[in-house]
Amino acid sequence: PEGWELLVQLRDDFRIIARSYAEQELPAQFICADSLQLD
């Protein structure tokens, strides 16, 4: 009623991010999130 709601799915997104590190063969012993930006 007041607009649009978006639920950012952290766990699903982390899986995508971990895959991205693996696909680009980046060292990823520990993966950290600095910030999120919504556009």
PDB file of all heavy atoms in Angstrom:
ATOM      1  N   PRO A   1       0.813  -1.229   0.000  1.00  0.00           N
ATOM      2  CA  PRO A   1       0.000   0.000   0.000  1.00  0.00           C
ATOM      3  C   PRO A   1       0.840   1.269   0.000  1.00  0.00           C
ATOM      4  O   PRO A   1       0.466   2.283  -0.602  1.00  0.00           O
ATOM      5  CB  PRO A   1      -0.821  -0.135   1.296  1.00  0.00           C
ATOM      6  CG  PRO A   1      -0.889  -1.599   1.551  1.00  0.00           C
ATOM      7  CD  PRO A   1       0.425  -2.155   1.067  1.00  0.00           C
ATOM      8  N   GLU A   2       2.003   1.232   0.655  1.00  0.00           N
ATOM      9  CA  GLU A   2       2.834   2.434   0.767  1.00  0.00           C
ATOM     10  C   GLU A   2       3.914   2.533  -0.300  1.00  0.00           C
ATOM     11  O   GLU A   2       4.685   3.479  -0.312  1.00  0.00           O
ATOM     12  CB  GLU A   2       3.481   2.497   2.156  1.00  0.00           C
ATOM     13  CG  GLU A   2       4.417   1.334   2.454  1.00  0.00           C
ATOM     14  CD  GLU A   2       3.717   0.132   3.069  1.00  0.00           C
ATOM     15  OE1 GLU A   2       2.568  -0.138   2.698  1.00  0.00           O
ATOM     16  OE2 GLU A   2       4.335  -0.525   3.930  1.00  0.00           O
ATOM     17  N   GLY A   3       3.967   1.543  -1.205  1.00  0.00           N
ATOM     18  CA  GLY A   3       4.984   1.570  -2.257  1.00  0.00           C
ATOM     19  C   GLY A   3       5.326   0.163  -2.714  1.00  0.00           C
ATOM     20  O   GLY A   3       4.443  -0.658  -2.954  1.00  0.00           O
ATOM     21  N   TRP A   4       6.619  -0.114  -2.851  1.00  0.00           N
ATOM     22  CA  TRP A   4       7.104  -1.436  -3.249  1.00  0.00           C
ATOM     23  C   TRP A   4       8.107  -1.920  -2.218  1.00  0.00           C
ATOM     24  O   TRP A   4       8.945  -1.147  -1.741  1.00  0.00           O
ATOM     25  CB  TRP A   4       7.782  -1.367  -4.630  1.00  0.00           C
ATOM     26  CG  TRP A   4       6.844  -1.064  -5.749  1.00  0.00           C
ATOM     27  CD1 TRP A   4       6.377   0.173  -6.120  1.00  0.00           C
ATOM     28  CD2 TRP A   4       6.248  -2.003  -6.643  1.00  0.00           C
ATOM     29  NE1 TRP A   4       5.523   0.060  -7.185  1.00  0.00           N
ATOM     30  CE2 TRP A   4       5.435  -1.267  -7.541  1.00  0.00           C
ATOM     31  CE3 TRP A   4       6.335  -3.385  -6.793  1.00  0.00           C
ATOM     32  CZ2 TRP A   4       4.708  -1.865  -8.556  1.00  0.00           C
ATOM     33  CZ3 TRP A   4       5.614  -3.997  -7.808  1.00  0.00           C
ATOM     34  CH2 TRP A   4       4.806  -3.243  -8.674  1.00  0.00           C
ATOM     35  N   GLU A   5       8.040  -3.208  -1.888  1.00  0.00           N
ATOM     36  CA  GLU A   5       8.983  -3.782  -0.936  1.00  0.00           C
ATOM     37  C   GLU A   5       9.893  -4.770  -1.653  1.00  0.00           C
ATOM     38  O   GLU A   5       9.448  -5.580  -2.464  1.00  0.00           O
ATOM     39  CB  GLU A   5       8.268  -4.499   0.201  1.00  0.00           C
ATOM     40  CG  GLU A   5       9.232  -5.009   1.269  1.00  0.00           C
ATOM     41  CD  GLU A   5       8.519  -5.745   2.389  1.00  0.00           C
ATOM     42  OE1 GLU A   5       7.505  -6.421   2.109  1.00  0.00           O
ATOM     43  OE2 GLU A   5       8.984  -5.653   3.535  1.00  0.00           O
ATOM     44  N   LEU A   6      11.184  -4.690  -1.329  1.00  0.00           N
ATOM     45  CA  LEU A   6      12.169  -5.616  -1.866  1.00  0.00           C
ATOM     46  C   LEU A   6      12.835  -6.339  -0.708  1.00  0.00           C
ATOM     47  O   LEU A   6      13.248  -5.713   0.268  1.00  0.00           O
ATOM     48  CB  LEU A   6      13.223  -4.857  -2.673  1.00  0.00           C
ATOM     49  CG  LEU A   6      14.362  -5.706  -3.255  1.00  0.00           C
ATOM     50  CD1 LEU A   6      13.838  -6.607  -4.365  1.00  0.00           C
ATOM     51  CD2 LEU A   6      15.483  -4.826  -3.772  1.00  0.00           C
ATOM     52  N   LEU A   7      12.937  -7.664  -0.823  1.00  0.00           N
ATOM     53  CA  LEU A   7      13.647  -8.458   0.170  1.00  0.00           C
ATOM     54  C   LEU A   7      14.970  -8.914  -0.440  1.00  0.00           C
ATOM     55  O   LEU A   7      14.992  -9.750  -1.348  1.00  0.00           O
ATOM     56  CB  LEU A   7      12.806  -9.669   0.596  1.00  0.00           C
ATOM     57  CG  LEU A   7      11.490  -9.350   1.312  1.00  0.00           C
ATOM     58  CD1 LEU A   7      10.712 -10.627   1.588  1.00  0.00           C
ATOM     59  CD2 LEU A   7      11.746  -8.587   2.615  1.00  0.00           C
ATOM     60  N   VAL A   8      16.068  -8.358   0.052  1.00  0.00           N
ATOM     61  CA  VAL A   8      17.385  -8.750  -0.429  1.00  0.00           C
ATOM     62  C   VAL A   8      17.753 -10.074   0.234  1.00  0.00           C
ATOM     63  O   VAL A   8      17.819 -10.176   1.458  1.00  0.00           O
ATOM     64  CB  VAL A   8      18.432  -7.670  -0.101  1.00  0.00           C
ATOM     65  CG1 VAL A   8      19.822  -8.100  -0.580  1.00  0.00           C
ATOM     66  CG2 VAL A   8      18.042  -6.341  -0.751  1.00  0.00           C
ATOM     67  N   GLN A   9      17.978 -11.091  -0.577  1.00  0.00           N
ATOM     68  CA  GLN A   9      18.220 -12.446  -0.086  1.00  0.00           C
ATOM     69  C   GLN A   9      19.727 -12.674   0.097  1.00  0.00           C
ATOM     70  O   GLN A   9      20.445 -13.028  -0.834  1.00  0.00           O
ATOM     71  CB  GLN A   9      17.647 -13.463  -1.068  1.00  0.00           C
ATOM     72  CG  GLN A   9      16.164 -13.287  -1.349  1.00  0.00           C
ATOM     73  CD  GLN A   9      15.300 -13.635  -0.143  1.00  0.00           C
ATOM     74  OE1 GLN A   9      15.723 -14.399   0.732  1.00  0.00           O
ATOM     75  NE2 GLN A   9      14.102 -13.067  -0.087  1.00  0.00           N
ATOM     76  N   LEU A  10      20.200 -12.476   1.315  1.00  0.00           N
ATOM     77  CA  LEU A  10      21.634 -12.529   1.578  1.00  0.00           C
ATOM     78  C   LEU A  10      22.234 -13.908   1.286  1.00  0.00           C
ATOM     79  O   LEU A  10      23.307 -14.006   0.692  1.00  0.00           O
ATOM     80  CB  LEU A  10      21.915 -12.152   3.029  1.00  0.00           C
ATOM     81  CG  LEU A  10      21.805 -10.662   3.392  1.00  0.00           C
ATOM     82  CD1 LEU A  10      22.010 -10.484   4.893  1.00  0.00           C
ATOM     83  CD2 LEU A  10      22.824  -9.842   2.629  1.00  0.00           C
ATOM     84  N   ARG A  11      21.554 -14.973   1.710  1.00  0.00           N
ATOM     85  CA  ARG A  11      22.154 -16.308   1.538  1.00  0.00           C
ATOM     86  C   ARG A  11      22.241 -16.688   0.072  1.00  0.00           C
ATOM     87  O   ARG A  11      23.279 -17.186  -0.389  1.00  0.00           O
ATOM     88  CB  ARG A  11      21.347 -17.357   2.302  1.00  0.00           C
ATOM     89  CG  ARG A  11      21.914 -18.781   2.147  1.00  0.00           C
ATOM     90  CD  ARG A  11      21.243 -19.747   3.078  1.00  0.00           C
ATOM     91  NE  ARG A  11      21.530 -19.437   4.479  1.00  0.00           N
ATOM     92  CZ  ARG A  11      20.861 -19.962   5.508  1.00  0.00           C
ATOM     93  NH1 ARG A  11      19.860 -20.789   5.286  1.00  0.00           N
ATOM     94  NH2 ARG A  11      21.198 -19.640   6.743  1.00  0.00           N
ATOM     95  N   ASP A  12      21.166 -16.456  -0.694  1.00  0.00           N
ATOM     96  CA  ASP A  12      21.203 -16.761  -2.124  1.00  0.00           C
ATOM     97  C   ASP A  12      22.286 -15.947  -2.821  1.00  0.00           C
ATOM     98  O   ASP A  12      23.003 -16.453  -3.693  1.00  0.00           O
ATOM     99  CB  ASP A  12      19.847 -16.481  -2.769  1.00  0.00           C
ATOM    100  CG  ASP A  12      18.765 -17.442  -2.289  1.00  0.00           C
ATOM    101  OD1 ASP A  12      19.121 -18.498  -1.716  1.00  0.00           O
ATOM    102  OD2 ASP A  12      17.577 -17.134  -2.490  1.00  0.00           O
ATOM    103  N   ASP A  13      22.406 -14.695  -2.426  1.00  0.00           N
ATOM    104  CA  ASP A  13      23.403 -13.831  -3.062  1.00  0.00           C
ATOM    105  C   ASP A  13      24.819 -14.262  -2.696  1.00  0.00           C
ATOM    106  O   ASP A  13      25.734 -14.186  -3.533  1.00  0.00           O
ATOM    107  CB  ASP A  13      23.168 -12.373  -2.668  1.00  0.00           C
ATOM    108  CG  ASP A  13      21.867 -11.823  -3.244  1.00  0.00           C
ATOM    109  OD1 ASP A  13      21.247 -12.516  -4.075  1.00  0.00           O
ATOM    110  OD2 ASP A  13      21.459 -10.713  -2.848  1.00  0.00           O
ATOM    111  N   PHE A  14      25.012 -14.721  -1.453  1.00  0.00           N
ATOM    112  CA  PHE A  14      26.348 -15.186  -1.074  1.00  0.00           C
ATOM    113  C   PHE A  14      26.770 -16.369  -1.944  1.00  0.00           C
ATOM    114  O   PHE A  14      27.943 -16.465  -2.344  1.00  0.00           O
ATOM    115  CB  PHE A  14      26.399 -15.592   0.397  1.00  0.00           C
ATOM    116  CG  PHE A  14      27.709 -16.236   0.767  1.00  0.00           C
ATOM    117  CD1 PHE A  14      28.848 -15.473   0.934  1.00  0.00           C
ATOM    118  CD2 PHE A  14      27.811 -17.625   0.896  1.00  0.00           C
ATOM    119  CE1 PHE A  14      30.068 -16.070   1.234  1.00  0.00           C
ATOM    120  CE2 PHE A  14      29.024 -18.219   1.198  1.00  0.00           C
ATOM    121  CZ  PHE A  14      30.153 -17.441   1.369  1.00  0.00           C
ATOM    122  N   ARG A  15      25.865 -17.256  -2.252  1.00  0.00           N
ATOM    123  CA  ARG A  15      26.210 -18.402  -3.101  1.00  0.00           C
ATOM    124  C   ARG A  15      26.677 -17.915  -4.478  1.00  0.00           C
ATOM    125  O   ARG A  15      27.626 -18.457  -5.052  1.00  0.00           O
ATOM    126  CB  ARG A  15      25.003 -19.329  -3.239  1.00  0.00           C
ATOM    127  CG  ARG A  15      24.598 -20.011  -1.929  1.00  0.00           C
ATOM    128  CD  ARG A  15      23.518 -21.052  -2.182  1.00  0.00           C
ATOM    129  NE  ARG A  15      23.086 -21.673  -0.932  1.00  0.00           N
ATOM    130  CZ  ARG A  15      21.866 -21.573  -0.429  1.00  0.00           C
ATOM    131  NH1 ARG A  15      20.936 -20.893  -1.081  1.00  0.00           N
ATOM    132  NH2 ARG A  15      21.542 -22.178   0.704  1.00  0.00           N
ATOM    133  N   ILE A  16      25.988 -16.909  -5.014  1.00  0.00           N
ATOM    134  CA  ILE A  16      26.385 -16.346  -6.311  1.00  0.00           C
ATOM    135  C   ILE A  16      27.775 -15.720  -6.209  1.00  0.00           C
ATOM    136  O   ILE A  16      28.626 -15.887  -7.089  1.00  0.00           O
ATOM    137  CB  ILE A  16      25.351 -15.309  -6.777  1.00  0.00           C
ATOM    138  CG1 ILE A  16      24.005 -15.988  -7.057  1.00  0.00           C
ATOM    139  CG2 ILE A  16      25.845 -14.572  -8.023  1.00  0.00           C
ATOM    140  CD1 ILE A  16      22.875 -15.018  -7.347  1.00  0.00           C
ATOM    141  N   ILE A  17      28.024 -15.011  -5.119  1.00  0.00           N
ATOM    142  CA  ILE A  17      29.314 -14.333  -4.932  1.00  0.00           C
ATOM    143  C   ILE A  17      30.438 -15.361  -4.794  1.00  0.00           C
ATOM    144  O   ILE A  17      31.510 -15.220  -5.403  1.00  0.00           O
ATOM    145  CB  ILE A  17      29.244 -13.417  -3.703  1.00  0.00           C
ATOM    146  CG1 ILE A  17      28.301 -12.236  -3.996  1.00  0.00           C
ATOM    147  CG2 ILE A  17      30.629 -12.913  -3.313  1.00  0.00           C
ATOM    148  CD1 ILE A  17      27.886 -11.464  -2.761  1.00  0.00           C
ATOM    149  N   ALA A  18      30.209 -16.405  -4.001  1.00  0.00           N
ATOM    150  CA  ALA A  18      31.231 -17.443  -3.838  1.00  0.00           C
ATOM    151  C   ALA A  18      31.544 -18.110  -5.172  1.00  0.00           C
ATOM    152  O   ALA A  18      32.707 -18.397  -5.482  1.00  0.00           O
ATOM    153  CB  ALA A  18      30.760 -18.476  -2.815  1.00  0.00           C
ATOM    154  N   ARG A  19      30.499 -18.322  -5.984  1.00  0.00           N
ATOM    155  CA  ARG A  19      30.706 -18.890  -7.320  1.00  0.00           C
ATOM    156  C   ARG A  19      31.531 -17.957  -8.184  1.00  0.00           C
ATOM    157  O   ARG A  19      32.368 -18.393  -8.971  1.00  0.00           O
ATOM    158  CB  ARG A  19      29.343 -19.166  -7.982  1.00  0.00           C
ATOM    159  CG  ARG A  19      29.078 -20.637  -8.164  1.00  0.00           C
ATOM    160  CD  ARG A  19      27.862 -20.966  -8.977  1.00  0.00           C
ATOM    161  NE  ARG A  19      26.890 -19.953  -9.238  1.00  0.00           N
ATOM    162  CZ  ARG A  19      25.754 -19.819  -8.561  1.00  0.00           C
ATOM    163  NH1 ARG A  19      25.484 -20.617  -7.548  1.00  0.00           N
ATOM    164  NH2 ARG A  19      24.893 -18.878  -8.876  1.00  0.00           N
ATOM    165  N   SER A  20      31.298 -16.669  -8.048  1.00  0.00           N
ATOM    166  CA  SER A  20      32.025 -15.687  -8.857  1.00  0.00           C
ATOM    167  C   SER A  20      33.509 -15.711  -8.523  1.00  0.00           C
ATOM    168  O   SER A  20      34.361 -15.620  -9.415  1.00  0.00           O
ATOM    169  CB  SER A  20      31.456 -14.283  -8.624  1.00  0.00           C
ATOM    170  OG  SER A  20      30.101 -14.209  -9.037  1.00  0.00           O
ATOM    171  N   TYR A  21      33.849 -15.828  -7.239  1.00  0.00           N
ATOM    172  CA  TYR A  21      35.258 -15.930  -6.856  1.00  0.00           C
ATOM    173  C   TYR A  21      35.885 -17.180  -7.471  1.00  0.00           C
ATOM    174  O   TYR A  21      37.008 -17.146  -7.990  1.00  0.00           O
ATOM    175  CB  TYR A  21      35.394 -15.976  -5.333  1.00  0.00           C
ATOM    176  CG  TYR A  21      35.494 -14.618  -4.686  1.00  0.00           C
ATOM    177  CD1 TYR A  21      34.352 -13.906  -4.338  1.00  0.00           C
ATOM    178  CD2 TYR A  21      36.732 -14.036  -4.418  1.00  0.00           C
ATOM    179  CE1 TYR A  21      34.431 -12.658  -3.742  1.00  0.00           C
ATOM    180  CE2 TYR A  21      36.828 -12.790  -3.818  1.00  0.00           C
ATOM    181  CZ  TYR A  21      35.668 -12.096  -3.486  1.00  0.00           C
ATOM    182  OH  TYR A  21      35.756 -10.856  -2.906  1.00  0.00           O
ATOM    183  N   ALA A  22      35.142 -18.298  -7.418  1.00  0.00           N
ATOM    184  CA  ALA A  22      35.677 -19.551  -7.948  1.00  0.00           C
ATOM    185  C   ALA A  22      35.841 -19.481  -9.465  1.00  0.00           C
ATOM    186  O   ALA A  22      36.869 -19.919 -10.013  1.00  0.00           O
ATOM    187  CB  ALA A  22      34.756 -20.707  -7.566  1.00  0.00           C
ATOM    188  N   GLU A  23      34.849 -18.927 -10.156  1.00  0.00           N
ATOM    189  CA  GLU A  23      34.916 -18.861 -11.614  1.00  0.00           C
ATOM    190  C   GLU A  23      36.051 -17.972 -12.086  1.00  0.00           C
ATOM    191  O   GLU A  23      36.651 -18.215 -13.138  1.00  0.00           O
ATOM    192  CB  GLU A  23      33.582 -18.364 -12.166  1.00  0.00           C
ATOM    193  CG  GLU A  23      32.444 -19.376 -12.022  1.00  0.00           C
ATOM    194  CD  GLU A  23      31.085 -18.766 -12.323  1.00  0.00           C
ATOM    195  OE1 GLU A  23      31.022 -17.526 -12.538  1.00  0.00           O
ATOM    196  OE2 GLU A  23      30.092 -19.519 -12.332  1.00  0.00           O
ATOM    197  N   GLN A  24      36.361 -16.925 -11.325  1.00  0.00           N
ATOM    198  CA  GLN A  24      37.447 -16.025 -11.697  1.00  0.00           C
ATOM    199  C   GLN A  24      38.783 -16.438 -11.076  1.00  0.00           C
ATOM    200  O   GLN A  24      39.773 -15.721 -11.219  1.00  0.00           O
ATOM    201  CB  GLN A  24      37.095 -14.592 -11.300  1.00  0.00           C
ATOM    202  CG  GLN A  24      35.847 -14.071 -12.000  1.00  0.00           C
ATOM    203  CD  GLN A  24      35.602 -12.596 -11.743  1.00  0.00           C
ATOM    204  OE1 GLN A  24      36.540 -11.808 -11.716  1.00  0.00           O
ATOM    205  NE2 GLN A  24      34.348 -12.222 -11.564  1.00  0.00           N
ATOM    206  N   GLU A  25      38.758 -17.588 -10.373  1.00  0.00           N
ATOM    207  CA  GLU A  25      39.973 -18.145  -9.766  1.00  0.00           C
ATOM    208  C   GLU A  25      40.665 -17.126  -8.857  1.00  0.00           C
ATOM    209  O   GLU A  25      41.895 -16.975  -8.864  1.00  0.00           O
ATOM    210  CB  GLU A  25      40.933 -18.657 -10.848  1.00  0.00           C
ATOM    211  CG  GLU A  25      40.329 -19.774 -11.702  1.00  0.00           C
ATOM    212  CD  GLU A  25      41.298 -20.301 -12.751  1.00  0.00           C
ATOM    213  OE1 GLU A  25      42.338 -19.661 -12.974  1.00  0.00           O
ATOM    214  OE2 GLU A  25      40.995 -21.349 -13.342  1.00  0.00           O
ATOM    215  N   LEU A  26      39.867 -16.436  -8.055  1.00  0.00           N
ATOM    216  CA  LEU A  26      40.400 -15.474  -7.098  1.00  0.00           C
ATOM    217  C   LEU A  26      40.624 -16.164  -5.755  1.00  0.00           C
ATOM    218  O   LEU A  26      39.829 -17.027  -5.350  1.00  0.00           O
ATOM    219  CB  LEU A  26      39.420 -14.305  -6.918  1.00  0.00           C
ATOM    220  CG  LEU A  26      39.162 -13.443  -8.158  1.00  0.00           C
ATOM    221  CD1 LEU A  26      38.061 -12.437  -7.883  1.00  0.00           C
ATOM    222  CD2 LEU A  26      40.439 -12.719  -8.582  1.00  0.00           C
ATOM    223  N   PRO A  27      41.689 -15.802  -5.051  1.00  0.00           N
ATOM    224  CA  PRO A  27      41.900 -16.385  -3.719  1.00  0.00           C
ATOM    225  C   PRO A  27      40.783 -15.958  -2.779  1.00  0.00           C
ATOM    226  O   PRO A  27      40.489 -14.769  -2.648  1.00  0.00           O
ATOM    227  CB  PRO A  27      43.257 -15.812  -3.301  1.00  0.00           C
ATOM    228  CG  PRO A  27      43.423 -14.569  -4.120  1.00  0.00           C
ATOM    229  CD  PRO A  27      42.736 -14.831  -5.422  1.00  0.00           C
ATOM    230  N   ALA A  28      40.146 -16.933  -2.139  1.00  0.00           N
ATOM    231  CA  ALA A  28      38.964 -16.614  -1.341  1.00  0.00           C
ATOM    232  C   ALA A  28      38.902 -17.487  -0.103  1.00  0.00           C
ATOM    233  O   ALA A  28      37.933 -18.214   0.118  1.00  0.00           O
ATOM    234  CB  ALA A  28      37.704 -16.767  -2.182  1.00  0.00           C
ATOM    235  N   GLN A  29      39.939 -17.427   0.726  1.00  0.00           N
ATOM    236  CA  GLN A  29      39.931 -18.204   1.961  1.00  0.00           C
ATOM    237  C   GLN A  29      38.810 -17.729   2.882  1.00  0.00           C
ATOM    238  O   GLN A  29      38.096 -18.531   3.480  1.00  0.00           O
ATOM    239  CB  GLN A  29      41.284 -18.094   2.660  1.00  0.00           C
ATOM    240  CG  GLN A  29      41.454 -19.076   3.807  1.00  0.00           C
ATOM    241  CD  GLN A  29      42.895 -19.133   4.281  1.00  0.00           C
ATOM    242  OE1 GLN A  29      43.750 -18.390   3.800  1.00  0.00           O
ATOM    243  NE2 GLN A  29      43.178 -20.011   5.236  1.00  0.00           N
ATOM    244  N   PHE A  30      38.681 -16.406   2.972  1.00  0.00           N
ATOM    245  CA  PHE A  30      37.567 -15.813   3.711  1.00  0.00           C
ATOM    246  C   PHE A  30      36.942 -14.743   2.804  1.00  0.00           C
ATOM    247  O   PHE A  30      37.668 -13.908   2.257  1.00  0.00           O
ATOM    248  CB  PHE A  30      38.032 -15.179   5.021  1.00  0.00           C
ATOM    249  CG  PHE A  30      38.747 -16.126   5.930  1.00  0.00           C
ATOM    250  CD1 PHE A  30      40.130 -16.059   6.068  1.00  0.00           C
ATOM    251  CD2 PHE A  30      38.046 -17.086   6.637  1.00  0.00           C
ATOM    252  CE1 PHE A  30      40.805 -16.937   6.907  1.00  0.00           C
ATOM    253  CE2 PHE A  30      38.715 -17.972   7.474  1.00  0.00           C
ATOM    254  CZ  PHE A  30      40.094 -17.903   7.611  1.00  0.00           C
ATOM    255  N   ILE A  31      35.622 -14.764   2.675  1.00  0.00           N
ATOM    256  CA  ILE A  31      34.928 -13.784   1.843  1.00  0.00           C
ATOM    257  C   ILE A  31      34.156 -12.831   2.746  1.00  0.00           C
ATOM    258  O   ILE A  31      33.353 -13.258   3.587  1.00  0.00           O
ATOM    259  CB  ILE A  31      33.962 -14.468   0.851  1.00  0.00           C
ATOM    260  CG1 ILE A  31      34.745 -15.379  -0.099  1.00  0.00           C
ATOM    261  CG2 ILE A  31      33.186 -13.416   0.055  1.00  0.00           C
ATOM    262  CD1 ILE A  31      33.859 -16.134  -1.082  1.00  0.00           C
ATOM    263  N   CYS A  32      34.401 -11.549   2.567  1.00  0.00           N
ATOM    264  CA  CYS A  32      33.805 -10.517   3.411  1.00  0.00           C
ATOM    265  C   CYS A  32      32.965  -9.573   2.556  1.00  0.00           C
ATOM    266  O   CYS A  32      33.263  -9.353   1.373  1.00  0.00           O
ATOM    267  CB  CYS A  32      34.897  -9.702   4.117  1.00  0.00           C
ATOM    268  SG  CYS A  32      36.229 -10.708   4.827  1.00  0.00           S
ATOM    269  N   ALA A  33      31.936  -9.003   3.163  1.00  0.00           N
ATOM    270  CA  ALA A  33      31.102  -8.005   2.484  1.00  0.00           C
ATOM    271  C   ALA A  33      31.382  -6.642   3.092  1.00  0.00           C
ATOM    272  O   ALA A  33      31.223  -6.452   4.309  1.00  0.00           O
ATOM    273  CB  ALA A  33      29.627  -8.356   2.602  1.00  0.00           C
ATOM    274  N   ASP A  34      31.812  -5.706   2.267  1.00  0.00           N
ATOM    275  CA  ASP A  34      32.100  -4.357   2.745  1.00  0.00           C
ATOM    276  C   ASP A  34      30.829  -3.527   2.798  1.00  0.00           C
ATOM    277  O   ASP A  34      30.538  -2.873   3.790  1.00  0.00           O
ATOM    278  CB  ASP A  34      33.142  -3.706   1.838  1.00  0.00           C
ATOM    279  CG  ASP A  34      33.476  -2.300   2.281  1.00  0.00           C
ATOM    280  OD1 ASP A  34      33.748  -2.124   3.483  1.00  0.00           O
ATOM    281  OD2 ASP A  34      33.436  -1.378   1.451  1.00  0.00           O
ATOM    282  N   SER A  35      30.045  -3.551   1.701  1.00  0.00           N
ATOM    283  CA  SER A  35      28.809  -2.775   1.664  1.00  0.00           C
ATOM    284  C   SER A  35      27.921  -3.303   0.558  1.00  0.00           C
ATOM    285  O   SER A  35      28.357  -4.047  -0.325  1.00  0.00           O
ATOM    286  CB  SER A  35      29.101  -1.282   1.435  1.00  0.00           C
ATOM    287  OG  SER A  35      29.683  -1.085   0.157  1.00  0.00           O
ATOM    288  N   LEU A  36      26.662  -2.902   0.624  1.00  0.00           N
ATOM    289  CA  LEU A  36      25.692  -3.201  -0.427  1.00  0.00           C
ATOM    290  C   LEU A  36      25.188  -1.883  -1.000  1.00  0.00           C
ATOM    291  O   LEU A  36      25.011  -0.901  -0.246  1.00  0.00           O
ATOM    292  CB  LEU A  36      24.494  -3.980   0.124  1.00  0.00           C
ATOM    293  CG  LEU A  36      24.615  -5.501   0.262  1.00  0.00           C
ATOM    294  CD1 LEU A  36      25.670  -5.864   1.300  1.00  0.00           C
ATOM    295  CD2 LEU A  36      23.264  -6.095   0.638  1.00  0.00           C
ATOM    296  N   GLN A  37      24.975  -1.844  -2.301  1.00  0.00           N
ATOM    297  CA  GLN A  37      24.371  -0.677  -2.933  1.00  0.00           C
ATOM    298  C   GLN A  37      23.172  -1.121  -3.751  1.00  0.00           C
ATOM    299  O   GLN A  37      23.282  -2.002  -4.603  1.00  0.00           O
ATOM    300  CB  GLN A  37      25.358   0.054  -3.845  1.00  0.00           C
ATOM    301  CG  GLN A  37      24.733   1.259  -4.566  1.00  0.00           C
ATOM    302  CD  GLN A  37      25.737   2.080  -5.320  1.00  0.00           C
ATOM    303  OE1 GLN A  37      26.785   2.444  -4.789  1.00  0.00           O
ATOM    304  NE2 GLN A  37      25.439   2.384  -6.574  1.00  0.00           N
ATOM    305  N   LEU A  38      22.036  -0.512  -3.480  1.00  0.00           N
ATOM    306  CA  LEU A  38      20.818  -0.784  -4.236  1.00  0.00           C
ATOM    307  C   LEU A  38      20.591   0.352  -5.219  1.00  0.00           C
ATOM    308  O   LEU A  38      20.559   1.521  -4.830  1.00  0.00           O
ATOM    309  CB  LEU A  38      19.627  -0.897  -3.282  1.00  0.00           C
ATOM    310  CG  LEU A  38      18.238  -0.961  -3.922  1.00  0.00           C
ATOM    311  CD1 LEU A  38      18.076  -2.217  -4.771  1.00  0.00           C
ATOM    312  CD2 LEU A  38      17.151  -0.883  -2.850  1.00  0.00           C
ATOM    313  N   ASP A  39      20.466   0.016  -6.510  1.00  0.00           N
ATOM    314  CA  ASP A  39      20.169   0.987  -7.556  1.00  0.00           C
ATOM    315  C   ASP A  39      18.799   0.668  -8.139  1.00  0.00           C
ATOM    316  O   ASP A  39      18.589  -0.423  -8.690  1.00  0.00           O
ATOM    317  CB  ASP A  39      21.219   0.939  -8.668  1.00  0.00           C
ATOM    318  CG  ASP A  39      22.596   1.377  -8.188  1.00  0.00           C
ATOM    319  OD1 ASP A  39      22.677   2.443  -7.554  1.00  0.00           O
ATOM    320  OD2 ASP A  39      23.572   0.653  -8.445  1.00  0.00           O
TER     321      ASP A  39
END
